[in-house]
Each structure stands twice: as structure tokens, then as C-alpha cells.
Amino acid sequence: MTIQLNPTADSYIVSSPPPAQSQNFGSQATLICKGTAETRTLIYFDLSTLGASVSQALLELNVESLSAPCSINIYNLTESWVENGVTWQKRDFLINLNWQTVGGTNDGIKRLPSDFNINSTGKIQLDITAYVNLILSGTSNNGILIRNLTTGIQAVFTSREGAIVDNRPKLIIPSPPYTPSNDFNGAFNNGFNRNMI
């Protein structure tokens, strides 16, 4: 049985000078990922209902527009953030909580097997199995950061607020879904009742 998870938060952050650098875009219907005046996409999935590991995990995104072909990769965020408060400089501007590293503190490790090339609009699927298993093995889940590695090119994805439900981001876990965990209650308590992700 295939499992599908929807994100519980997403946004994008912009490196260009104020006001964009200090603006929050958590309620927008799109997610922008741009290589110059860098704009980065953040997505969070609650993985607490999964087991100890998965055999495959696919991040599906809908590319609404693309200025030219580009390459992207994802990174593991190492600090929590708030959808309606995250900016380039802050994890939550509402309480003046800064990133340790502006632009989304991350471990600097590319989590896709190789850079993913986007050549046209429409649905794409990224193999993020290694990232999901990293989180299921005990690494703190703060979501993913998507970077556009191509200078001057912009890709626009549908966000979780997008009008067409099927075009919103989703995490697909094909069958067999997971290796059962012996600590369901621990996983449940670790992932739910969180105000900050």
C-alpha cells in the first residue's frame, strides 16, 4: 500500500535586500526557487507515522513555471522554523528568532543522489529516500531546503496553499512502505503537538 504525506508547512525565503529579505511568504500559493538573488524553498513533512526505515521516498513537486532548464538539490535543515514567520534572516521574525546561518541553517550536504535537472513544467519526483531514512534514524526533523544551483534561473512550484490540490507538494512512500518500529508511541510523541517545526 502506497503512503502519501502532505506537508504541514512550506515557504520560500529571499536573499535580495530589504524588504524582500525580511518578508515572509508562508501563505503564498507558490514556492520560488531561484539561483540569482537567491531564493530558497523550505518544506516540512511530519514523518512520525512512518516506521524505522523506508525502501523508497519520492518528493513530488509541480513546476508551474520555469525561466530556463536548471538543476536543484535538497539539504537537511538543522534548525526549526515557523511557516508564517520564516525569512532569509530569521527562523521566526514574530519572536525575533534568528537563523544561526542566514538563508536557512543546513548541514551543507546534498541529499539527492545527484543534482536533479528540471527541463520543463509539470510534475517532477525527487528521490529523497536517503534524507527520510536519515530522519527516521534519529536526526532531528526540521524539514528540507531546496536550492536552485543554476545562476539566473527561476523555478516556481505549487505550494501547499495552491488552488489545485493534486498539484501541491507530496511525499510518496511506495509499497512496501516501511519497516515496523518498536516505538510507535515515541515516534508519535516526537512528531505531534509541535508549534514550531
N, C-alpha and C. Protein backbone atom coordinates (compact mmCIF):
# COMPACT_ATOMS: atom_id res chain seq x y z
N MET A 1 0.85 -1.20 0.00
CA MET A 1 0.00 0.00 0.00
C MET A 1 0.88 1.25 0.00
N THR A 2 0.66 2.11 -0.95
CA THR A 2 1.43 3.35 -1.03
C THR A 2 0.93 4.37 -0.01
N ILE A 3 1.85 5.02 0.66
CA ILE A 3 1.54 6.08 1.63
C ILE A 3 1.83 7.43 1.00
N GLN A 4 0.94 8.38 1.20
CA GLN A 4 1.17 9.74 0.72
C GLN A 4 1.05 10.71 1.89
N LEU A 5 2.07 11.53 2.08
CA LEU A 5 2.07 12.53 3.14
C LEU A 5 2.03 13.92 2.51
N ASN A 6 1.25 14.80 3.13
CA ASN A 6 1.19 16.19 2.71
C ASN A 6 2.04 17.04 3.65
N PRO A 7 2.66 18.10 3.15
CA PRO A 7 3.47 18.94 4.04
C PRO A 7 2.60 19.67 5.05
N THR A 8 3.15 19.88 6.23
CA THR A 8 2.45 20.66 7.23
C THR A 8 2.94 22.11 7.26
N ALA A 9 3.99 22.40 6.49
CA ALA A 9 4.49 23.78 6.37
C ALA A 9 5.34 23.89 5.11
N ASP A 10 5.26 25.03 4.46
CA ASP A 10 6.20 25.34 3.38
C ASP A 10 6.27 26.86 3.21
N SER A 11 7.36 27.30 2.63
CA SER A 11 7.56 28.73 2.39
C SER A 11 8.76 28.88 1.47
N TYR A 12 9.09 30.10 1.13
CA TYR A 12 10.36 30.39 0.47
C TYR A 12 10.97 31.64 1.09
N ILE A 13 12.28 31.75 0.99
CA ILE A 13 13.00 32.87 1.60
C ILE A 13 13.89 33.51 0.54
N VAL A 14 14.03 34.83 0.62
CA VAL A 14 14.66 35.61 -0.45
C VAL A 14 15.88 36.34 0.08
N SER A 15 16.99 36.22 -0.65
CA SER A 15 18.25 36.82 -0.19
C SER A 15 18.42 38.27 -0.60
N SER A 16 17.58 38.76 -1.53
CA SER A 16 17.75 40.13 -2.01
C SER A 16 17.52 41.13 -0.89
N PRO A 17 17.98 42.38 -1.04
CA PRO A 17 17.92 43.36 0.06
C PRO A 17 16.49 43.60 0.54
N PRO A 18 16.36 44.20 1.75
CA PRO A 18 15.03 44.52 2.26
C PRO A 18 14.26 45.35 1.24
N PRO A 19 12.92 45.21 1.17
CA PRO A 19 12.11 44.47 2.15
C PRO A 19 12.01 42.97 1.94
N ALA A 20 12.37 42.46 0.74
CA ALA A 20 12.16 41.03 0.47
C ALA A 20 12.91 40.15 1.45
N GLN A 21 14.11 40.54 1.84
CA GLN A 21 14.93 39.73 2.74
C GLN A 21 14.27 39.52 4.09
N SER A 22 13.41 40.45 4.48
CA SER A 22 12.75 40.35 5.78
C SER A 22 11.27 40.02 5.66
N GLN A 23 10.82 39.64 4.47
CA GLN A 23 9.42 39.30 4.26
C GLN A 23 9.18 37.81 4.42
N ASN A 24 7.97 37.48 4.85
CA ASN A 24 7.56 36.08 4.97
C ASN A 24 6.58 35.75 3.85
N PHE A 25 6.75 34.55 3.26
CA PHE A 25 5.94 34.13 2.13
C PHE A 25 5.21 32.81 2.41
N GLY A 26 4.98 32.53 3.69
CA GLY A 26 4.40 31.25 4.08
C GLY A 26 2.97 31.02 3.63
N SER A 27 2.25 32.07 3.29
CA SER A 27 0.86 31.91 2.87
C SER A 27 0.68 31.94 1.36
N GLN A 28 1.78 32.02 0.62
CA GLN A 28 1.69 32.13 -0.83
C GLN A 28 1.29 30.80 -1.48
N ALA A 29 0.68 30.88 -2.64
CA ALA A 29 0.22 29.69 -3.36
C ALA A 29 1.33 29.05 -4.19
N THR A 30 2.49 29.70 -4.23
CA THR A 30 3.64 29.15 -4.97
C THR A 30 4.89 29.18 -4.10
N LEU A 31 5.87 28.40 -4.52
CA LEU A 31 7.19 28.35 -3.89
C LEU A 31 8.22 28.69 -4.95
N ILE A 32 9.03 29.70 -4.70
CA ILE A 32 10.02 30.14 -5.69
C ILE A 32 11.39 29.59 -5.31
N CYS A 33 12.11 29.14 -6.32
CA CYS A 33 13.46 28.61 -6.14
C CYS A 33 14.32 29.21 -7.24
N LYS A 34 15.23 30.12 -6.87
CA LYS A 34 15.95 30.93 -7.86
C LYS A 34 17.43 30.94 -7.55
N GLY A 35 18.24 30.93 -8.62
CA GLY A 35 19.69 30.84 -8.46
C GLY A 35 20.40 32.15 -8.23
N THR A 36 19.87 33.27 -8.73
CA THR A 36 20.49 34.58 -8.52
C THR A 36 19.51 35.43 -7.74
N ALA A 37 20.06 36.37 -6.87
CA ALA A 37 19.23 36.97 -5.82
C ALA A 37 18.53 35.78 -5.17
N GLU A 38 19.37 34.89 -4.64
CA GLU A 38 18.95 33.52 -4.35
C GLU A 38 17.67 33.46 -3.53
N THR A 39 16.80 32.59 -3.99
CA THR A 39 15.52 32.33 -3.33
C THR A 39 15.43 30.83 -3.09
N ARG A 40 15.21 30.44 -1.84
CA ARG A 40 15.23 29.03 -1.45
C ARG A 40 13.87 28.59 -0.95
N THR A 41 13.52 27.34 -1.25
CA THR A 41 12.25 26.76 -0.84
C THR A 41 12.44 25.88 0.39
N LEU A 42 11.53 25.99 1.36
CA LEU A 42 11.54 25.17 2.57
C LEU A 42 10.25 24.37 2.63
N ILE A 43 10.35 23.09 2.94
CA ILE A 43 9.18 22.22 3.07
C ILE A 43 9.37 21.32 4.28
N TYR A 44 8.30 21.15 5.05
CA TYR A 44 8.35 20.25 6.21
C TYR A 44 7.26 19.19 6.10
N PHE A 45 7.65 17.93 6.26
CA PHE A 45 6.72 16.80 6.35
C PHE A 45 6.84 16.18 7.73
N ASP A 46 5.72 15.88 8.35
CA ASP A 46 5.71 15.13 9.61
C ASP A 46 5.91 13.66 9.27
N LEU A 47 7.05 13.11 9.67
CA LEU A 47 7.39 11.73 9.35
C LEU A 47 7.12 10.77 10.50
N SER A 48 6.45 11.24 11.54
CA SER A 48 6.33 10.44 12.76
C SER A 48 5.44 9.22 12.61
N THR A 49 4.63 9.15 11.54
CA THR A 49 3.77 7.99 11.35
C THR A 49 4.48 6.87 10.58
N LEU A 50 5.69 7.15 10.11
CA LEU A 50 6.46 6.11 9.42
C LEU A 50 7.19 5.25 10.44
N GLY A 51 7.77 4.16 9.97
CA GLY A 51 8.45 3.24 10.87
C GLY A 51 9.93 3.54 10.98
N ALA A 52 10.72 2.49 11.09
CA ALA A 52 12.15 2.63 11.33
C ALA A 52 12.92 3.02 10.07
N SER A 53 12.39 2.65 8.89
CA SER A 53 13.05 2.99 7.63
C SER A 53 12.05 2.83 6.50
N VAL A 54 12.38 3.37 5.33
CA VAL A 54 11.56 3.19 4.14
C VAL A 54 12.44 2.68 3.02
N SER A 55 11.84 1.95 2.09
CA SER A 55 12.60 1.44 0.95
C SER A 55 12.72 2.48 -0.16
N GLN A 56 11.77 3.42 -0.20
CA GLN A 56 11.83 4.50 -1.18
C GLN A 56 10.95 5.64 -0.70
N ALA A 57 11.38 6.87 -0.98
CA ALA A 57 10.60 8.06 -0.66
C ALA A 57 10.77 9.06 -1.80
N LEU A 58 9.66 9.49 -2.37
CA LEU A 58 9.69 10.39 -3.52
C LEU A 58 9.00 11.70 -3.17
N LEU A 59 9.69 12.80 -3.35
CA LEU A 59 9.10 14.13 -3.19
C LEU A 59 8.55 14.56 -4.54
N GLU A 60 7.23 14.74 -4.60
CA GLU A 60 6.61 15.17 -5.85
C GLU A 60 6.29 16.66 -5.78
N LEU A 61 6.75 17.39 -6.78
CA LEU A 61 6.51 18.82 -6.90
C LEU A 61 5.92 19.10 -8.27
N ASN A 62 5.09 20.13 -8.32
CA ASN A 62 4.56 20.58 -9.60
C ASN A 62 5.26 21.87 -10.00
N VAL A 63 5.95 21.85 -11.14
CA VAL A 63 6.64 23.03 -11.64
C VAL A 63 5.64 23.86 -12.43
N GLU A 64 5.26 25.01 -11.88
CA GLU A 64 4.29 25.87 -12.55
C GLU A 64 4.92 26.70 -13.67
N SER A 65 6.13 27.17 -13.42
CA SER A 65 6.83 27.95 -14.44
C SER A 65 8.32 27.76 -14.29
N LEU A 66 9.04 27.98 -15.39
CA LEU A 66 10.48 27.75 -15.43
C LEU A 66 11.07 28.71 -16.46
N SER A 67 12.01 29.57 -16.01
CA SER A 67 12.58 30.54 -16.93
C SER A 67 13.54 29.90 -17.93
N ALA A 68 14.14 28.78 -17.55
CA ALA A 68 15.04 28.00 -18.41
C ALA A 68 15.39 26.73 -17.64
N PRO A 69 15.92 25.70 -18.31
CA PRO A 69 16.32 24.49 -17.58
C PRO A 69 17.30 24.81 -16.45
N CYS A 70 17.19 24.07 -15.36
CA CYS A 70 18.04 24.32 -14.20
C CYS A 70 18.26 23.04 -13.42
N SER A 71 19.17 23.10 -12.45
CA SER A 71 19.47 21.96 -11.57
C SER A 71 19.19 22.36 -10.13
N ILE A 72 18.61 21.44 -9.37
CA ILE A 72 18.33 21.69 -7.96
C ILE A 72 18.87 20.54 -7.12
N ASN A 73 19.01 20.80 -5.82
CA ASN A 73 19.29 19.74 -4.87
C ASN A 73 18.66 20.12 -3.54
N ILE A 74 18.58 19.17 -2.63
CA ILE A 74 17.97 19.43 -1.33
C ILE A 74 19.00 19.24 -0.22
N TYR A 75 18.73 19.93 0.90
CA TYR A 75 19.62 19.91 2.06
C TYR A 75 18.77 19.73 3.31
N ASN A 76 19.37 19.14 4.33
CA ASN A 76 18.70 18.91 5.60
C ASN A 76 18.82 20.16 6.47
N LEU A 77 17.68 20.78 6.79
CA LEU A 77 17.69 21.93 7.69
C LEU A 77 18.02 21.46 9.11
N THR A 78 18.87 22.20 9.79
CA THR A 78 19.31 21.79 11.12
C THR A 78 18.75 22.68 12.23
N GLU A 79 17.89 23.62 11.87
CA GLU A 79 17.19 24.43 12.86
C GLU A 79 15.71 24.47 12.52
N SER A 80 14.89 24.56 13.55
CA SER A 80 13.45 24.63 13.36
C SER A 80 13.04 26.00 12.82
N TRP A 81 11.85 26.09 12.26
CA TRP A 81 11.34 27.34 11.68
C TRP A 81 9.82 27.32 11.72
N VAL A 82 9.24 28.47 11.48
CA VAL A 82 7.79 28.63 11.55
C VAL A 82 7.28 29.14 10.21
N GLU A 83 6.28 28.47 9.66
CA GLU A 83 5.80 28.79 8.32
C GLU A 83 5.43 30.26 8.16
N ASN A 84 4.70 30.82 9.12
CA ASN A 84 4.25 32.20 8.97
C ASN A 84 5.21 33.21 9.58
N GLY A 85 6.44 32.75 9.90
CA GLY A 85 7.41 33.66 10.49
C GLY A 85 8.80 33.58 9.89
N VAL A 86 9.03 32.62 8.98
CA VAL A 86 10.38 32.42 8.46
C VAL A 86 10.72 33.44 7.39
N THR A 87 11.97 33.94 7.43
CA THR A 87 12.52 34.85 6.43
C THR A 87 13.96 34.43 6.15
N TRP A 88 14.62 35.14 5.26
CA TRP A 88 16.03 34.84 4.96
C TRP A 88 16.90 34.97 6.21
N GLN A 89 16.59 35.91 7.06
CA GLN A 89 17.41 36.18 8.23
C GLN A 89 16.92 35.50 9.50
N LYS A 90 15.62 35.17 9.55
CA LYS A 90 15.05 34.70 10.81
C LYS A 90 14.23 33.42 10.63
N ARG A 91 14.34 32.55 11.64
CA ARG A 91 13.50 31.36 11.69
C ARG A 91 12.07 31.72 12.03
N ASP A 92 11.92 32.78 12.82
CA ASP A 92 10.59 33.28 13.18
C ASP A 92 10.73 34.76 13.51
N PHE A 93 10.37 35.62 12.57
CA PHE A 93 10.51 37.06 12.80
C PHE A 93 9.51 37.56 13.84
N LEU A 94 8.44 36.78 14.09
CA LEU A 94 7.42 37.21 15.04
C LEU A 94 7.97 37.26 16.46
N ILE A 95 8.98 36.44 16.76
CA ILE A 95 9.61 36.47 18.08
C ILE A 95 11.11 36.79 17.96
N ASN A 96 11.50 37.30 16.78
CA ASN A 96 12.88 37.75 16.54
C ASN A 96 13.89 36.64 16.77
N LEU A 97 13.58 35.45 16.23
CA LEU A 97 14.46 34.29 16.39
C LEU A 97 15.28 34.12 15.11
N ASN A 98 16.60 34.32 15.21
CA ASN A 98 17.48 34.32 14.04
C ASN A 98 17.92 32.90 13.64
N TRP A 99 18.21 32.72 12.34
CA TRP A 99 18.97 31.57 11.90
C TRP A 99 20.41 31.72 12.39
N GLN A 100 21.05 30.64 12.74
CA GLN A 100 22.49 30.70 13.02
C GLN A 100 23.25 31.08 11.76
N THR A 101 22.79 30.58 10.62
CA THR A 101 23.34 30.96 9.32
C THR A 101 22.19 31.46 8.46
N VAL A 102 22.24 32.72 8.03
CA VAL A 102 21.13 33.27 7.25
C VAL A 102 20.90 32.45 5.99
N GLY A 103 19.65 32.40 5.57
CA GLY A 103 19.31 31.62 4.39
C GLY A 103 18.91 30.19 4.70
N GLY A 104 18.74 29.88 5.98
CA GLY A 104 18.31 28.54 6.38
C GLY A 104 19.47 27.66 6.79
N THR A 105 19.73 27.55 8.09
CA THR A 105 20.86 26.75 8.58
C THR A 105 20.68 25.29 8.16
N ASN A 106 21.69 24.76 7.46
CA ASN A 106 21.60 23.38 6.99
C ASN A 106 22.97 22.72 7.11
N ASP A 107 23.02 21.40 6.86
CA ASP A 107 24.28 20.67 7.05
C ASP A 107 25.20 20.75 5.84
N GLY A 108 24.76 21.40 4.76
CA GLY A 108 25.63 21.60 3.60
C GLY A 108 25.83 20.36 2.74
N ILE A 109 25.09 19.28 3.04
CA ILE A 109 25.26 18.03 2.30
C ILE A 109 24.10 17.86 1.32
N LYS A 110 24.43 17.67 0.05
CA LYS A 110 23.39 17.40 -0.94
C LYS A 110 22.76 16.04 -0.65
N ARG A 111 21.43 16.01 -0.56
CA ARG A 111 20.75 14.79 -0.16
C ARG A 111 20.15 14.00 -1.32
N LEU A 112 20.19 14.54 -2.54
CA LEU A 112 19.79 13.77 -3.70
C LEU A 112 21.00 12.99 -4.21
N PRO A 113 20.78 11.82 -4.82
CA PRO A 113 21.90 11.04 -5.36
C PRO A 113 22.76 11.86 -6.34
N SER A 114 22.11 12.76 -7.08
CA SER A 114 22.80 13.69 -7.98
C SER A 114 21.90 14.90 -8.17
N ASP A 115 22.46 16.01 -8.66
CA ASP A 115 21.64 17.19 -8.92
C ASP A 115 20.51 16.81 -9.86
N PHE A 116 19.32 17.32 -9.57
CA PHE A 116 18.14 16.99 -10.38
C PHE A 116 17.93 18.09 -11.41
N ASN A 117 17.83 17.69 -12.67
CA ASN A 117 17.64 18.64 -13.76
C ASN A 117 16.16 18.84 -14.06
N ILE A 118 15.72 20.09 -14.02
CA ILE A 118 14.35 20.43 -14.41
C ILE A 118 14.40 21.03 -15.81
N ASN A 119 13.70 20.40 -16.73
CA ASN A 119 13.75 20.84 -18.12
C ASN A 119 12.44 21.42 -18.63
N SER A 120 11.35 21.22 -17.89
CA SER A 120 10.05 21.70 -18.35
C SER A 120 9.10 21.82 -17.17
N THR A 121 7.95 22.41 -17.40
CA THR A 121 6.92 22.49 -16.37
C THR A 121 6.23 21.15 -16.22
N GLY A 122 5.45 21.02 -15.13
CA GLY A 122 4.74 19.77 -14.86
C GLY A 122 5.28 19.07 -13.63
N LYS A 123 4.83 17.86 -13.39
CA LYS A 123 5.19 17.11 -12.19
C LYS A 123 6.62 16.56 -12.29
N ILE A 124 7.34 16.65 -11.18
CA ILE A 124 8.65 16.01 -11.05
C ILE A 124 8.66 15.21 -9.76
N GLN A 125 9.50 14.19 -9.69
CA GLN A 125 9.66 13.40 -8.48
C GLN A 125 11.14 13.29 -8.14
N LEU A 126 11.47 13.66 -6.91
CA LEU A 126 12.84 13.63 -6.42
C LEU A 126 12.99 12.46 -5.44
N ASP A 127 14.02 11.67 -5.61
CA ASP A 127 14.27 10.54 -4.72
C ASP A 127 14.96 11.04 -3.46
N ILE A 128 14.18 11.17 -2.38
CA ILE A 128 14.73 11.66 -1.12
C ILE A 128 14.76 10.55 -0.07
N THR A 129 14.92 9.31 -0.53
CA THR A 129 14.95 8.17 0.38
C THR A 129 16.03 8.32 1.45
N ALA A 130 17.22 8.73 1.03
CA ALA A 130 18.32 8.86 1.99
C ALA A 130 18.00 9.90 3.05
N TYR A 131 17.37 11.00 2.65
CA TYR A 131 17.00 12.03 3.62
C TYR A 131 15.97 11.50 4.61
N VAL A 132 14.92 10.85 4.12
CA VAL A 132 13.87 10.35 5.00
C VAL A 132 14.44 9.33 5.99
N ASN A 133 15.28 8.43 5.51
CA ASN A 133 15.88 7.45 6.42
C ASN A 133 16.83 8.09 7.42
N LEU A 134 17.47 9.19 7.03
CA LEU A 134 18.29 9.94 7.98
C LEU A 134 17.45 10.43 9.15
N ILE A 135 16.27 10.97 8.84
CA ILE A 135 15.38 11.46 9.89
C ILE A 135 14.84 10.29 10.71
N LEU A 136 14.44 9.22 10.06
CA LEU A 136 13.88 8.07 10.79
C LEU A 136 14.91 7.40 11.68
N SER A 137 16.20 7.60 11.38
CA SER A 137 17.25 7.01 12.21
C SER A 137 17.55 7.84 13.45
N GLY A 138 16.90 9.00 13.58
CA GLY A 138 17.05 9.78 14.81
C GLY A 138 17.50 11.21 14.63
N THR A 139 17.89 11.62 13.43
CA THR A 139 18.26 13.02 13.19
C THR A 139 17.03 13.90 13.32
N SER A 140 17.18 15.05 13.93
CA SER A 140 16.06 15.95 14.15
C SER A 140 15.42 16.36 12.83
N ASN A 141 14.10 16.32 12.78
CA ASN A 141 13.36 16.68 11.57
C ASN A 141 12.99 18.15 11.59
N ASN A 142 13.71 18.93 10.78
CA ASN A 142 13.41 20.35 10.63
C ASN A 142 13.00 20.70 9.20
N GLY A 143 12.78 19.67 8.39
CA GLY A 143 12.37 19.90 7.02
C GLY A 143 13.54 19.98 6.06
N ILE A 144 13.22 20.25 4.79
CA ILE A 144 14.23 20.30 3.74
C ILE A 144 14.33 21.71 3.16
N LEU A 145 15.50 21.99 2.65
CA LEU A 145 15.78 23.23 1.93
C LEU A 145 16.09 22.86 0.48
N ILE A 146 15.41 23.49 -0.47
CA ILE A 146 15.67 23.25 -1.89
C ILE A 146 16.39 24.45 -2.46
N ARG A 147 17.53 24.20 -3.09
CA ARG A 147 18.33 25.27 -3.70
C ARG A 147 18.40 25.08 -5.21
N ASN A 148 18.27 26.18 -5.92
CA ASN A 148 18.49 26.19 -7.37
C ASN A 148 19.97 26.46 -7.60
N LEU A 149 20.64 25.54 -8.26
CA LEU A 149 22.10 25.63 -8.44
C LEU A 149 22.50 26.27 -9.75
N THR A 150 21.52 26.75 -10.52
CA THR A 150 21.78 27.35 -11.82
C THR A 150 21.62 28.86 -11.75
N THR A 151 22.70 29.57 -12.03
CA THR A 151 22.70 31.02 -11.92
C THR A 151 21.67 31.65 -12.85
N GLY A 152 20.88 32.56 -12.29
CA GLY A 152 19.96 33.37 -13.09
C GLY A 152 18.66 32.71 -13.46
N ILE A 153 18.43 31.46 -13.05
CA ILE A 153 17.23 30.74 -13.47
C ILE A 153 16.26 30.60 -12.30
N GLN A 154 14.98 30.73 -12.60
CA GLN A 154 13.93 30.64 -11.58
C GLN A 154 12.96 29.51 -11.90
N ALA A 155 12.70 28.68 -10.89
CA ALA A 155 11.66 27.65 -10.97
C ALA A 155 10.60 28.00 -9.93
N VAL A 156 9.34 27.82 -10.31
CA VAL A 156 8.22 28.11 -9.42
C VAL A 156 7.40 26.84 -9.24
N PHE A 157 7.25 26.42 -7.98
CA PHE A 157 6.49 25.22 -7.64
C PHE A 157 5.15 25.61 -7.01
N THR A 158 4.18 24.74 -7.11
CA THR A 158 2.92 24.90 -6.37
C THR A 158 3.18 24.64 -4.89
N SER A 159 2.63 25.47 -4.03
CA SER A 159 2.79 25.28 -2.59
C SER A 159 1.60 24.50 -2.02
N ARG A 160 1.64 24.24 -0.73
CA ARG A 160 0.54 23.51 -0.09
C ARG A 160 -0.73 24.35 -0.04
N GLU A 161 -0.60 25.65 -0.31
CA GLU A 161 -1.77 26.53 -0.39
C GLU A 161 -2.30 26.66 -1.82
N GLY A 162 -1.70 25.95 -2.77
CA GLY A 162 -2.12 26.05 -4.16
C GLY A 162 -3.58 25.65 -4.36
N ALA A 163 -4.22 26.25 -5.35
CA ALA A 163 -5.65 26.04 -5.57
C ALA A 163 -5.97 24.61 -6.01
N ILE A 164 -5.10 24.00 -6.79
CA ILE A 164 -5.33 22.64 -7.29
C ILE A 164 -4.67 21.65 -6.33
N VAL A 165 -5.47 20.90 -5.62
CA VAL A 165 -4.96 20.03 -4.56
C VAL A 165 -3.93 19.04 -5.09
N ASP A 166 -4.18 18.46 -6.25
CA ASP A 166 -3.28 17.43 -6.78
C ASP A 166 -1.90 17.98 -7.14
N ASN A 167 -1.80 19.29 -7.30
CA ASN A 167 -0.52 19.90 -7.66
C ASN A 167 0.32 20.30 -6.45
N ARG A 168 -0.23 20.18 -5.27
CA ARG A 168 0.51 20.55 -4.06
C ARG A 168 1.64 19.55 -3.80
N PRO A 169 2.68 19.96 -3.08
CA PRO A 169 3.78 19.03 -2.77
C PRO A 169 3.26 17.81 -2.01
N LYS A 170 3.91 16.68 -2.25
CA LYS A 170 3.53 15.48 -1.51
C LYS A 170 4.75 14.56 -1.40
N LEU A 171 4.76 13.78 -0.35
CA LEU A 171 5.79 12.76 -0.15
C LEU A 171 5.15 11.41 -0.36
N ILE A 172 5.67 10.66 -1.32
CA ILE A 172 5.10 9.37 -1.69
C ILE A 172 6.04 8.25 -1.22
N ILE A 173 5.47 7.32 -0.44
CA ILE A 173 6.21 6.16 0.04
C ILE A 173 5.59 4.93 -0.62
N PRO A 174 6.19 4.44 -1.71
CA PRO A 174 5.61 3.28 -2.41
C PRO A 174 5.69 2.02 -1.55
N SER A 175 4.89 1.04 -1.90
CA SER A 175 4.94 -0.26 -1.21
C SER A 175 6.27 -0.95 -1.52
N PRO A 176 6.84 -1.73 -0.54
CA PRO A 176 6.40 -1.82 0.85
C PRO A 176 6.77 -0.55 1.59
N PRO A 177 5.84 -0.02 2.41
CA PRO A 177 6.03 1.32 2.94
C PRO A 177 7.15 1.49 3.95
N TYR A 178 7.29 0.54 4.89
CA TYR A 178 8.29 0.77 5.94
C TYR A 178 8.57 -0.50 6.71
N THR A 179 9.65 -0.44 7.50
CA THR A 179 9.98 -1.48 8.47
C THR A 179 9.33 -1.09 9.79
N PRO A 180 8.44 -1.92 10.35
CA PRO A 180 7.73 -1.53 11.57
C PRO A 180 8.66 -1.11 12.69
N SER A 181 8.27 -0.07 13.39
CA SER A 181 9.05 0.42 14.51
C SER A 181 8.54 -0.18 15.80
N ASN A 182 9.45 -0.39 16.75
CA ASN A 182 9.05 -0.90 18.06
C ASN A 182 8.66 0.20 19.03
N ASP A 183 8.74 1.44 18.57
CA ASP A 183 8.48 2.56 19.47
C ASP A 183 7.50 3.52 18.83
N PHE A 184 6.28 3.03 18.57
CA PHE A 184 5.29 3.89 17.93
C PHE A 184 4.95 5.09 18.79
N ASN A 185 4.77 4.86 20.09
CA ASN A 185 4.40 5.97 20.96
C ASN A 185 5.47 7.04 20.98
N GLY A 186 6.74 6.61 20.98
CA GLY A 186 7.82 7.58 20.97
C GLY A 186 7.83 8.38 19.70
N ALA A 187 7.61 7.70 18.57
CA ALA A 187 7.57 8.41 17.29
C ALA A 187 6.41 9.37 17.25
N PHE A 188 5.25 8.92 17.80
CA PHE A 188 4.07 9.78 17.81
C PHE A 188 4.31 11.04 18.63
N ASN A 189 4.83 10.85 19.83
CA ASN A 189 5.03 12.00 20.70
C ASN A 189 6.11 12.92 20.19
N ASN A 190 7.07 12.39 19.42
CA ASN A 190 8.15 13.20 18.89
C ASN A 190 7.68 14.12 17.77
N GLY A 191 6.61 13.71 17.07
CA GLY A 191 6.24 14.44 15.88
C GLY A 191 4.99 15.31 15.99
N PHE A 192 4.13 15.06 16.96
CA PHE A 192 2.88 15.79 17.05
C PHE A 192 2.93 16.84 18.16
N ASN A 193 1.89 17.67 18.18
CA ASN A 193 1.75 18.72 19.19
C ASN A 193 2.93 19.66 19.19
N ARG A 194 3.37 20.04 17.98
CA ARG A 194 4.51 20.95 17.85
C ARG A 194 4.02 22.28 17.34
N ASN A 195 4.42 23.35 17.99
CA ASN A 195 4.11 24.69 17.49
C ASN A 195 5.17 25.15 16.51
N MET A 196 6.39 24.64 16.68
CA MET A 196 7.48 25.02 15.81
C MET A 196 8.02 23.77 15.13
N ILE A 197 8.43 23.91 13.86
CA ILE A 197 8.97 22.78 13.14
C ILE A 197 10.42 23.03 12.80
